[in-house]
Protein backbone atom coordinates (compact mmCIF):
# COMPACT_ATOMS: atom_id res chain seq x y z
CA MET A 1 -17.39 -3.20 -17.18
CA LEU A 2 -18.31 -5.94 -19.62
CA ARG A 3 -17.51 -4.02 -22.78
CA ASN A 4 -16.13 -0.72 -23.90
CA ILE A 5 -18.61 1.27 -25.96
CA GLU A 6 -16.89 2.43 -29.12
CA ALA A 7 -19.88 4.24 -30.63
CA ALA A 8 -23.54 4.66 -29.80
CA SER A 9 -26.60 6.65 -30.69
CA ALA A 10 -29.90 7.11 -28.95
CA LYS A 11 -33.26 8.64 -29.72
CA ILE A 12 -36.09 9.59 -27.43
CA MET A 13 -39.45 8.64 -28.88
CA SER A 14 -42.82 7.28 -27.88
CA PHE A 15 -43.20 4.77 -30.71
CA PHE A 16 -41.15 2.09 -32.46
CA HIS A 17 -39.26 3.67 -35.34
CA LYS A 18 -39.35 2.02 -38.76
CA ASP A 19 -35.77 1.47 -39.92
CA GLU A 20 -34.63 2.37 -43.38
CA LYS A 21 -35.03 -0.45 -45.91
CA GLU A 22 -31.27 -0.51 -46.62
CA TYR A 23 -30.55 -1.27 -42.96
CA ILE A 24 -33.20 -3.97 -42.72
CA GLU A 25 -31.88 -5.79 -45.79
CA ASN A 26 -28.18 -5.39 -44.91
CA LEU A 27 -27.13 -8.60 -43.12
CA GLU A 28 -23.73 -7.06 -42.36
CA ILE A 29 -25.44 -4.60 -40.06
CA GLY A 30 -28.16 -6.92 -38.78
CA CYS A 31 -25.71 -9.61 -37.68
CA LYS A 32 -23.33 -7.28 -35.82
CA ILE A 33 -25.40 -4.51 -34.29
CA TRP A 34 -28.31 -4.79 -31.86
CA THR A 35 -31.20 -2.54 -32.66
CA GLY A 36 -34.32 -2.12 -30.62
CA ILE A 37 -35.83 -0.14 -27.81
CA THR A 38 -35.37 -0.07 -24.07
CA PRO A 39 -38.56 1.31 -22.55
CA ILE A 40 -38.17 3.63 -19.60
CA LYS A 41 -41.27 4.11 -17.50
CA THR A 42 -42.02 6.39 -14.60
CA VAL A 43 -44.34 4.69 -12.15
CA PHE A 44 -45.63 5.45 -8.69
CA GLY A 45 -44.06 3.27 -6.01
CA ASN A 46 -45.43 1.97 -2.73
CA PRO A 47 -46.26 4.95 -0.47
CA GLU A 48 -44.20 4.96 2.72
CA GLY A 49 -45.31 6.97 5.73
CA SER A 50 -42.77 8.87 7.81
CA ILE A 51 -41.39 7.21 10.95
CA TYR A 52 -43.56 9.34 13.23
CA SER A 53 -46.84 9.08 11.26
CA ILE A 54 -49.60 7.14 13.01
CA VAL A 55 -52.15 7.67 10.23
CA GLU A 56 -52.42 4.90 7.62
CA VAL A 57 -51.64 5.67 3.99
CA PRO A 58 -54.75 7.27 2.46
CA GLU A 59 -56.42 5.20 -0.25
CA TYR A 60 -55.97 8.00 -2.80
CA PHE A 61 -52.18 7.59 -2.40
CA ALA A 62 -52.20 3.80 -2.11
CA SER A 63 -54.26 3.49 -5.30
CA LEU A 64 -51.50 5.20 -7.29
CA GLU A 65 -49.03 2.34 -6.77
CA ASN A 66 -47.74 0.92 -10.08
CA ARG A 67 -49.60 3.51 -12.15
CA THR A 68 -47.56 5.23 -14.83
CA ILE A 69 -47.19 8.96 -15.10
């Protein structure tokens, strides 16, 4: 492990939160603590047929690849 996490907080949201003015203006916080977002996306992968399937992947499944849910 690169670092031990001493404290953390997390929020689940679908937009970028506007931080409080006091945090934005406080260089003590801004210079020591990373703030931001880490997007997590659910996407369809490449369809894989079973080992015994002789039928090609239908277009309606293949067209889903890389589309988000």
